């Protein structure tokens, strides 16, 4: 499963990038359009702002351009420290990169399952988007695990990851 990054307008150290629509499409979106046409499974949004809105919470780019215009069917992952509000999930973000928030940076996105029922404005389940893409890549489609089984699996994987000793170069 391939992931392309950083969507979109991320080629400077500036925290807020202002790009007109024509330049955005012709220069910045074009490489992502090629990746979508090639069947990329996932995309990482960047942590900068684009035209005043955080890239990982920008509905006009994540939903309007990426999903509606380009036809992207995969899932969108946040960059590290790029989730600034829970409602980013309604703008097109599917998965947050893990890690504790840093001062002046991002807020942790609660588990999608912690907000039962899902936010009414969520157009699709981020989990379902991820699972759909995963199953398109040759994994078994049936049976899909239940949400409770997925929570248990995710918790188990995170515990194992946290217990694993870090590797150091010899």
Protein backbone atom coordinates (compact mmCIF):
# COMPACT_ATOMS: atom_id res chain seq x y z
CA UNK A 1 0.00 0.00 0.00
CA UNK A 2 1.58 3.28 -1.10
CA UNK A 3 1.14 6.72 0.46
CA UNK A 4 1.98 10.06 -1.15
CA UNK A 5 2.63 13.22 0.81
CA UNK A 6 2.28 16.15 1.63
CA UNK A 7 -1.08 17.36 0.27
CA UNK A 8 -1.10 20.21 -0.76
CA UNK A 9 0.95 23.37 -1.21
CA UNK A 10 3.72 22.24 1.09
CA UNK A 11 7.05 23.31 -0.35
CA UNK A 12 8.13 26.05 2.00
CA UNK A 13 8.75 26.59 5.69
CA UNK A 14 5.92 29.11 5.82
CA UNK A 15 3.14 28.24 8.22
CA UNK A 16 0.43 29.69 5.98
CA UNK A 17 0.77 29.42 2.21
CA UNK A 18 -1.45 31.49 -0.08
CA UNK A 19 -1.96 29.97 -3.54
CA UNK A 20 -4.49 31.03 -6.19
CA UNK A 21 -6.80 28.34 -7.62
CA UNK A 22 -5.14 28.08 -11.04
CA UNK A 23 -1.63 27.70 -9.58
CA UNK A 24 -2.93 25.27 -6.97
CA UNK A 25 -4.35 22.98 -9.67
CA UNK A 26 -1.63 23.34 -12.31
CA UNK A 27 1.41 23.19 -10.04
CA UNK A 28 0.51 21.64 -6.69
CA UNK A 29 -2.41 19.27 -7.37
CA UNK A 30 -1.06 17.83 -10.65
CA UNK A 31 1.45 15.40 -9.05
CA UNK A 32 -1.25 14.13 -6.69
CA UNK A 33 -3.64 13.69 -9.62
CA UNK A 34 -1.05 11.43 -11.27
CA UNK A 35 -0.68 9.42 -8.06
CA UNK A 36 -4.46 9.03 -7.74
CA UNK A 37 -4.67 7.85 -11.36
CA UNK A 38 -1.91 5.33 -10.60
CA UNK A 39 -4.04 3.94 -7.73
CA UNK A 40 -2.28 5.25 -4.64
CA UNK A 41 -3.91 3.87 -1.49
CA UNK A 42 -3.27 6.69 0.95
CA UNK A 43 -2.34 10.32 1.10
CA UNK A 44 -0.80 12.37 3.91
CA UNK A 45 -1.96 15.94 4.37
CA UNK A 46 0.54 18.53 5.48
CA UNK A 47 0.64 20.49 8.73
CA UNK A 48 0.80 23.94 7.19
CA UNK A 49 -2.18 26.18 6.48
CA UNK A 50 -3.33 26.64 2.92
CA UNK A 51 -5.06 29.95 2.25
CA UNK A 52 -5.77 30.34 5.96
CA UNK A 53 -7.05 26.82 6.70
CA UNK A 54 -5.06 23.92 8.11
CA UNK A 55 -4.33 21.46 5.29
CA UNK A 56 -5.59 18.46 7.29
CA UNK A 57 -8.87 20.22 8.01
CA UNK A 58 -9.37 21.88 4.64
CA UNK A 59 -12.61 20.57 3.18
CA UNK A 60 -12.16 22.37 -0.13
CA UNK A 61 -8.92 20.51 -0.83
CA UNK A 62 -9.51 17.15 0.91
CA UNK A 63 -13.09 16.66 -0.20
CA UNK A 64 -13.63 19.11 -3.05
CA UNK A 65 -10.40 18.61 -4.96
CA UNK A 66 -9.03 15.28 -3.78
CA UNK A 67 -12.19 13.18 -3.56
CA UNK A 68 -14.69 14.97 -5.81
CA UNK A 69 -12.43 16.27 -8.62
CA UNK A 70 -9.68 13.63 -8.61
CA UNK A 71 -11.86 10.68 -7.54
CA UNK A 72 -9.54 9.58 -4.72
CA UNK A 73 -10.97 6.47 -3.02
CA UNK A 74 -8.25 5.83 -0.44
CA UNK A 75 -7.72 7.25 3.01
CA UNK A 76 -6.13 10.49 4.22
CA UNK A 77 -3.64 10.42 7.10
CA UNK A 78 -2.59 13.51 9.00
CA UNK A 79 1.01 14.58 9.15
CA UNK A 80 2.59 14.42 12.61
CA UNK A 81 1.16 17.24 14.69
CA UNK A 82 -1.30 18.30 11.99
CA UNK A 83 -4.63 17.54 13.70
CA UNK A 84 -5.86 20.73 15.32
CA UNK A 85 -9.55 19.90 15.83
CA UNK A 86 -11.82 16.88 16.04
CA UNK A 87 -13.98 18.22 13.21
CA UNK A 88 -11.11 17.64 10.75
CA UNK A 89 -12.69 14.22 10.33
CA UNK A 90 -15.67 15.94 8.67
CA UNK A 91 -13.38 17.78 6.25
CA UNK A 92 -11.89 14.57 4.83
CA UNK A 93 -9.23 13.43 7.31
CA UNK A 94 -9.46 9.69 7.98
CA UNK A 95 -6.60 8.86 10.34
CA UNK A 96 -4.36 10.82 12.69
CA UNK A 97 -0.70 9.97 13.10
CA UNK A 98 -0.17 8.91 16.73
CA UNK A 99 1.79 10.76 19.33
CA UNK A 100 1.31 13.17 22.19
CA UNK A 101 0.58 16.80 21.41
CA UNK A 102 3.42 19.28 21.75
CA UNK A 103 2.97 22.74 23.17
CA UNK A 104 1.77 25.10 20.47
CA UNK A 105 1.17 22.24 18.07
CA UNK A 106 -1.74 19.85 17.59
CA UNK A 107 -4.50 18.28 19.60
CA UNK A 108 -4.89 14.49 19.67
CA UNK A 109 -7.87 13.35 17.64
CA UNK A 110 -10.09 11.10 19.77
CA UNK A 111 -10.81 7.67 18.39
CA UNK A 112 -13.61 7.67 15.87
CA UNK A 113 -15.24 5.01 18.04
CA UNK A 114 -15.16 7.27 21.10
CA UNK A 115 -17.75 9.55 19.50
CA UNK A 116 -20.67 7.16 19.30
CA UNK A 117 -22.68 7.77 17.27
CA UNK A 118 -20.34 9.12 14.60
CA UNK A 119 -20.58 12.84 13.91
CA UNK A 120 -23.73 13.32 11.80
CA UNK A 121 -21.85 15.39 9.23
CA UNK A 122 -19.32 12.63 8.53
CA UNK A 123 -20.05 11.62 4.93
CA UNK A 124 -18.37 8.26 5.25
CA UNK A 125 -16.69 6.31 7.98
CA UNK A 126 -12.93 6.92 7.98
CA UNK A 127 -12.50 3.37 9.20
CA UNK A 128 -14.60 2.08 6.31
CA UNK A 129 -12.54 4.11 3.83
CA UNK A 130 -9.37 2.51 5.19
CA UNK A 131 -10.85 -0.98 5.22
CA UNK A 132 -12.29 -0.59 1.73
CA UNK A 133 -8.89 0.37 0.38
CA UNK A 134 -7.22 -2.44 2.30
CA UNK A 135 -9.61 -5.03 0.91
CA UNK A 136 -9.19 -3.66 -2.64
CA UNK A 137 -5.52 -4.55 -2.32
CA UNK A 138 -6.20 -8.27 -2.09
CA UNK A 139 -6.95 -8.81 1.57
CA UNK A 140 -10.01 -10.87 2.51
CA UNK A 141 -13.23 -8.88 2.25
CA UNK A 142 -15.32 -11.09 4.51
CA UNK A 143 -15.77 -11.09 7.33
CA UNK A 144 -14.76 -7.55 8.25
CA UNK A 145 -13.88 -7.24 11.95
CA UNK A 146 -16.40 -5.59 14.26
CA UNK A 147 -15.62 -2.11 15.67
CA UNK A 148 -15.01 -3.62 19.12
CA UNK A 149 -12.56 -6.15 17.65
CA UNK A 150 -10.76 -3.34 15.86
CA UNK A 151 -10.49 -1.34 19.10
CA UNK A 152 -8.97 -4.34 20.85
CA UNK A 153 -6.56 -4.95 17.96
CA UNK A 154 -5.50 -1.30 17.82
CA UNK A 155 -4.95 -1.18 21.59
CA UNK A 156 -2.91 -4.38 21.47
CA UNK A 157 -0.76 -3.12 18.61
CA UNK A 158 -0.11 0.20 20.35
CA UNK A 159 0.88 -1.57 23.60
CA UNK A 160 3.31 -3.78 21.69
CA UNK A 161 4.71 -0.77 19.87
CA UNK A 162 5.24 1.13 23.10
CA UNK A 163 6.99 -1.86 24.77
CA UNK A 164 9.33 -2.51 21.85
CA UNK A 165 12.86 -1.34 22.66
CA UNK A 166 14.26 1.25 20.32
CA UNK A 167 17.01 0.19 18.00
CA UNK A 168 20.33 1.92 18.12
CA UNK A 169 23.02 1.83 15.49
CA UNK A 170 26.06 -0.32 16.41
